[in-house]
């Protein structure tokens, strides 16, 4: 099958429910497609040929467990975080262009103080007055910001329960929070046994080193493929550990003196993501 993570998700669930093995055919052979052309029947024949020849061996994610529930809640949380960021940016943009009597009273406040004051503010009845209209707009934006913050907090609470049920020890690891833990679980899927080893998961997260040696130069480069969101989660964990974890700080200190000799210090986050 193609597209078991999108349009083919329900078909994949039905096939597994009837004890039918599903193999993911990630990408058709482009050279063969150019030679044979493209149609639904041609693509289906090419996918079946790839499976029978052993070229397509991927096991798709099972989308019928707790991790699928985590994925759905993360979609809601991500959209709320994005909307909240847009809202506070709109508030600050309005303050910059607001009349002086509005701007001067708000410009020195922190985000928390700003939202609190604006949400409780009052405005006049004459909306033809620019200052009154701006005050009303700021008040409504502040209330929207508060509502989105509550939505994010609710999503985090639900995610913590699901993550604790799925991987009890994950949130106890240094640097791992609700967002990063949820992303790593979604990347692994409801059936992590489809991954042959730790190296397979590292490759999936774009954290597996790839040889890039030439001549007398012996080096590796990071994997440019894989799940970039999972790689971002690993990078966030690394940054937290570089600041707060003693073992990670010791490792960074050992690599730092080489800074004047080569570019090894630039690869510290890469090696930590793989670790």
Protein backbone atom coordinates (compact mmCIF):
# COMPACT_ATOMS: atom_id res chain seq x y z
CA UNK A 1 0.00 0.00 0.00
CA UNK A 2 0.92 3.63 -0.49
CA UNK A 3 -0.26 6.39 1.82
CA UNK A 4 -0.98 4.37 4.96
CA UNK A 5 -0.39 7.55 6.93
CA UNK A 6 -3.01 9.59 5.07
CA UNK A 7 -5.77 8.46 2.69
CA UNK A 8 -4.96 4.79 3.17
CA UNK A 9 -5.04 4.85 6.99
CA UNK A 10 -8.53 3.38 7.38
CA UNK A 11 -7.93 0.75 4.70
CA UNK A 12 -4.76 -0.30 6.51
CA UNK A 13 -6.69 -0.64 9.77
CA UNK A 14 -9.36 -2.77 8.11
CA UNK A 15 -6.78 -5.06 6.50
CA UNK A 16 -4.94 -5.59 9.78
CA UNK A 17 -8.23 -6.26 11.56
CA UNK A 18 -8.79 -9.09 9.07
CA UNK A 19 -5.30 -10.54 9.69
CA UNK A 20 -3.94 -9.33 6.33
CA UNK A 21 -0.28 -8.26 6.32
CA UNK A 22 0.24 -4.69 5.11
CA UNK A 23 3.54 -3.55 3.57
CA UNK A 24 4.25 0.14 3.03
CA UNK A 25 5.52 1.07 -0.44
CA UNK A 26 7.06 4.44 0.32
CA UNK A 27 7.99 5.84 -3.06
CA UNK A 28 7.64 4.41 -6.56
CA UNK A 29 10.78 3.89 -8.61
CA UNK A 30 10.97 7.14 -10.57
CA UNK A 31 13.11 5.66 -13.32
CA UNK A 32 10.59 2.88 -13.88
CA UNK A 33 7.73 5.38 -13.73
CA UNK A 34 9.33 7.50 -16.46
CA UNK A 35 9.70 4.42 -18.64
CA UNK A 36 6.28 2.86 -18.01
CA UNK A 37 4.15 5.95 -17.48
CA UNK A 38 1.70 6.62 -14.66
CA UNK A 39 -1.83 5.52 -13.89
CA UNK A 40 -3.56 3.94 -10.91
CA UNK A 41 -3.24 0.44 -12.37
CA UNK A 42 0.42 0.95 -13.32
CA UNK A 43 1.22 2.29 -9.84
CA UNK A 44 -0.59 -0.64 -8.18
CA UNK A 45 1.30 -3.13 -10.34
CA UNK A 46 4.62 -1.40 -9.55
CA UNK A 47 3.87 -1.46 -5.81
CA UNK A 48 3.03 -5.18 -5.91
CA UNK A 49 6.19 -5.89 -7.90
CA UNK A 50 8.31 -3.98 -5.37
CA UNK A 51 6.88 -6.04 -2.49
CA UNK A 52 7.31 -9.39 -4.27
CA UNK A 53 10.88 -8.48 -5.25
CA UNK A 54 11.74 -7.54 -1.68
CA UNK A 55 12.46 -3.88 -2.46
CA UNK A 56 9.52 -2.67 -0.35
CA UNK A 57 9.70 -4.09 3.16
CA UNK A 58 8.43 -1.26 5.36
CA UNK A 59 5.93 -1.99 8.10
CA UNK A 60 3.42 0.88 8.40
CA UNK A 61 2.46 2.46 11.69
CA UNK A 62 -0.58 1.07 13.45
CA UNK A 63 -2.97 3.98 13.87
CA UNK A 64 -5.33 2.40 16.35
CA UNK A 65 -3.69 2.86 19.76
CA UNK A 66 -2.76 5.44 22.38
CA UNK A 67 -0.05 6.99 20.22
CA UNK A 68 -2.65 7.83 17.59
CA UNK A 69 -4.63 9.61 20.31
CA UNK A 70 -1.47 11.52 21.24
CA UNK A 71 -0.99 12.53 17.61
CA UNK A 72 -4.51 13.95 17.42
CA UNK A 73 -4.11 16.02 20.59
CA UNK A 74 -0.74 17.30 19.42
CA UNK A 75 -2.38 18.66 16.27
CA UNK A 76 -4.75 20.71 18.44
CA UNK A 77 -1.93 21.88 20.70
CA UNK A 78 0.31 22.90 17.81
CA UNK A 79 -2.41 24.99 16.18
CA UNK A 80 -3.20 26.65 19.53
CA UNK A 81 0.48 27.50 20.10
CA UNK A 82 0.74 28.97 16.61
CA UNK A 83 -2.43 31.01 17.07
CA UNK A 84 -1.28 32.28 20.48
CA UNK A 85 2.03 33.44 19.01
CA UNK A 86 0.18 35.26 16.25
CA UNK A 87 -2.13 36.85 18.83
CA UNK A 88 0.64 38.28 21.01
CA UNK A 89 2.42 39.55 17.90
CA UNK A 90 -0.78 41.31 16.85
CA UNK A 91 -1.14 42.84 20.31
CA UNK A 92 2.39 44.25 20.23
CA UNK A 93 1.96 45.48 16.67
CA UNK A 94 -1.21 47.36 17.62
CA UNK A 95 0.52 48.91 20.63
CA UNK A 96 3.34 50.21 18.44
CA UNK A 97 0.92 52.06 16.17
CA UNK A 98 -1.61 53.00 18.87
CA UNK A 99 -2.20 56.62 19.95
CA UNK A 100 0.29 57.92 22.50
CA UNK A 101 -2.09 57.75 25.48
CA UNK A 102 -2.59 54.02 24.83
CA UNK A 103 0.98 53.18 23.88
CA UNK A 104 2.75 54.86 26.79
CA UNK A 105 0.68 53.02 29.39
CA UNK A 106 1.46 49.59 27.93
CA UNK A 107 4.87 49.61 26.30
CA UNK A 108 6.94 48.69 29.40
CA UNK A 109 4.82 45.75 30.59
CA UNK A 110 5.82 42.09 30.37
CA UNK A 111 3.66 39.73 28.34
CA UNK A 112 1.90 38.36 31.43
CA UNK A 113 1.21 41.81 32.85
CA UNK A 114 0.16 43.10 29.44
CA UNK A 115 -2.40 40.35 28.86
CA UNK A 116 -3.78 40.68 32.39
CA UNK A 117 -4.25 44.44 32.13
CA UNK A 118 -5.72 44.36 28.63
CA UNK A 119 -8.18 41.57 29.43
CA UNK A 120 -9.55 43.58 32.37
CA UNK A 121 -9.45 46.97 30.63
CA UNK A 122 -12.40 49.20 29.80
CA UNK A 123 -13.08 51.25 26.72
CA UNK A 124 -15.38 54.06 25.74
CA UNK A 125 -18.55 53.81 23.68
CA UNK A 126 -17.41 55.91 20.72
CA UNK A 127 -15.81 53.40 18.37
CA UNK A 128 -15.15 56.11 15.81
CA UNK A 129 -12.37 57.28 18.13
CA UNK A 130 -9.13 55.45 17.15
CA UNK A 131 -7.96 55.17 20.77
CA UNK A 132 -11.26 53.58 21.83
CA UNK A 133 -11.23 51.15 18.91
CA UNK A 134 -7.63 50.13 19.64
CA UNK A 135 -8.44 49.54 23.32
CA UNK A 136 -11.36 47.31 22.32
CA UNK A 137 -9.21 45.39 19.82
CA UNK A 138 -6.45 44.89 22.40
CA UNK A 139 -8.95 43.67 24.99
CA UNK A 140 -10.40 41.08 22.63
CA UNK A 141 -6.95 39.91 21.56
CA UNK A 142 -5.88 39.57 25.20
CA UNK A 143 -8.94 37.45 25.96
CA UNK A 144 -8.18 35.31 22.92
CA UNK A 145 -4.60 34.89 24.19
CA UNK A 146 -5.91 33.73 27.57
CA UNK A 147 -8.33 31.29 25.96
CA UNK A 148 -5.56 29.80 23.82
CA UNK A 149 -3.30 29.48 26.87
CA UNK A 150 -6.03 27.53 28.65
CA UNK A 151 -6.47 25.33 25.59
CA UNK A 152 -2.74 24.59 25.52
CA UNK A 153 -2.71 23.80 29.24
CA UNK A 154 -5.66 21.42 28.82
CA UNK A 155 -3.91 19.68 25.91
CA UNK A 156 -0.70 19.35 27.95
CA UNK A 157 -2.61 17.79 30.85
CA UNK A 158 -4.28 15.26 28.54
CA UNK A 159 -0.98 14.50 26.80
CA UNK A 160 0.82 13.89 30.10
CA UNK A 161 -1.76 11.26 31.04
CA UNK A 162 -1.47 9.49 27.69
CA UNK A 163 2.34 9.67 27.62
CA UNK A 164 2.58 8.31 31.17
CA UNK A 165 0.34 5.42 30.15
CA UNK A 166 2.31 4.67 26.97
CA UNK A 167 5.91 5.23 28.13
CA UNK A 168 5.96 5.73 31.93
CA UNK A 169 9.67 6.53 32.19
CA UNK A 170 9.94 8.93 29.27
CA UNK A 171 8.94 12.13 31.06
CA UNK A 172 11.37 11.30 33.88
CA UNK A 173 14.36 11.66 31.54
CA UNK A 174 16.35 14.88 31.77
CA UNK A 175 15.29 17.43 29.18
CA UNK A 176 12.21 15.51 28.01
CA UNK A 177 8.93 17.39 28.28
CA UNK A 178 5.40 16.83 27.10
CA UNK A 179 6.01 18.24 23.63
CA UNK A 180 9.24 16.36 22.91
CA UNK A 181 8.01 13.09 24.43
CA UNK A 182 4.81 13.24 22.40
CA UNK A 183 6.71 13.84 19.18
CA UNK A 184 9.10 10.94 19.77
CA UNK A 185 6.20 8.59 20.52
CA UNK A 186 4.35 9.70 17.39
CA UNK A 187 7.49 9.09 15.33
CA UNK A 188 7.86 5.58 16.77
CA UNK A 189 4.15 4.81 16.35
CA UNK A 190 1.85 2.39 18.15
CA UNK A 191 4.01 -0.52 16.97
CA UNK A 192 7.63 0.41 17.77
CA UNK A 193 8.60 -3.23 17.23
CA UNK A 194 8.56 -2.43 13.49
CA UNK A 195 11.93 -0.74 14.13
CA UNK A 196 14.68 -3.33 14.05
CA UNK A 197 17.06 -1.57 16.45
CA UNK A 198 18.03 1.66 18.17
CA UNK A 199 19.97 2.55 15.02
CA UNK A 200 16.77 2.23 12.99
CA UNK A 201 15.03 4.74 15.23
CA UNK A 202 18.03 7.08 15.02
CA UNK A 203 17.87 6.86 11.23
CA UNK A 204 14.13 7.55 11.34
CA UNK A 205 14.80 10.65 13.47
CA UNK A 206 17.50 11.89 11.05
CA UNK A 207 20.08 11.44 13.82
CA UNK A 208 22.09 8.55 12.35
CA UNK A 209 25.53 9.57 11.06
CA UNK A 210 26.28 8.88 7.41
CA UNK A 211 29.87 8.36 6.17
CA UNK A 212 31.17 11.36 4.24
CA UNK A 213 34.87 10.54 4.06
CA UNK A 214 37.17 11.41 1.20
CA UNK A 215 40.86 10.70 0.85
CA UNK A 216 42.56 11.20 4.20
CA UNK A 217 39.52 12.88 5.69
CA UNK A 218 37.49 10.56 7.88
CA UNK A 219 34.20 12.12 8.90
CA UNK A 220 30.45 11.62 9.07
CA UNK A 221 27.62 13.95 8.22
CA UNK A 222 24.10 14.05 9.68
CA UNK A 223 21.27 12.33 7.89
CA UNK A 224 19.24 14.84 5.86
CA UNK A 225 16.22 12.56 5.59
CA UNK A 226 13.96 11.13 8.24
CA UNK A 227 11.40 12.85 10.44
CA UNK A 228 12.55 16.43 10.91
CA UNK A 229 10.04 17.04 13.71
CA UNK A 230 11.57 14.15 15.67
CA UNK A 231 15.03 15.56 14.98
CA UNK A 232 13.85 18.92 16.29
CA UNK A 233 12.58 17.22 19.47
CA UNK A 234 15.96 15.55 19.98
CA UNK A 235 17.69 18.89 19.41
CA UNK A 236 15.50 20.53 22.06
CA UNK A 237 16.38 17.77 24.53
CA UNK A 238 20.08 18.25 23.73
CA UNK A 239 19.91 22.01 24.34
CA UNK A 240 18.25 21.48 27.73
CA UNK A 241 20.80 18.87 28.73
CA UNK A 242 23.72 21.03 27.61
CA UNK A 243 22.53 23.61 30.11
CA UNK A 244 21.28 21.50 33.03
CA UNK A 245 22.66 17.93 32.84
CA UNK A 246 26.12 17.48 34.47
CA UNK A 247 27.15 14.54 32.27
CA UNK A 248 26.23 16.40 29.09
CA UNK A 249 28.05 19.52 30.26
CA UNK A 250 31.17 17.44 30.98
CA UNK A 251 31.00 15.97 27.49
CA UNK A 252 30.67 19.40 25.91
CA UNK A 253 33.61 20.65 27.99
CA UNK A 254 35.78 17.78 26.73
CA UNK A 255 34.93 18.61 23.12
CA UNK A 256 35.26 22.38 23.46
CA UNK A 257 39.11 22.60 23.71
CA UNK A 258 39.32 21.20 20.19
CA UNK A 259 37.66 24.34 18.95
CA UNK A 260 40.92 25.90 17.81
CA UNK A 261 42.09 22.73 16.02
CA UNK A 262 39.07 21.62 14.00
CA UNK A 263 35.33 21.94 13.71
CA UNK A 264 34.58 19.10 16.11
CA UNK A 265 32.72 21.41 18.46
CA UNK A 266 30.17 22.07 15.73
CA UNK A 267 29.28 18.36 15.74
CA UNK A 268 28.64 18.18 19.50
CA UNK A 269 24.84 18.62 19.19
CA UNK A 270 24.83 16.05 16.36
CA UNK A 271 26.62 13.42 18.42
CA UNK A 272 24.42 14.17 21.43
CA UNK A 273 21.26 13.70 19.36
CA UNK A 274 22.53 10.26 18.34
CA UNK A 275 23.45 9.42 21.97
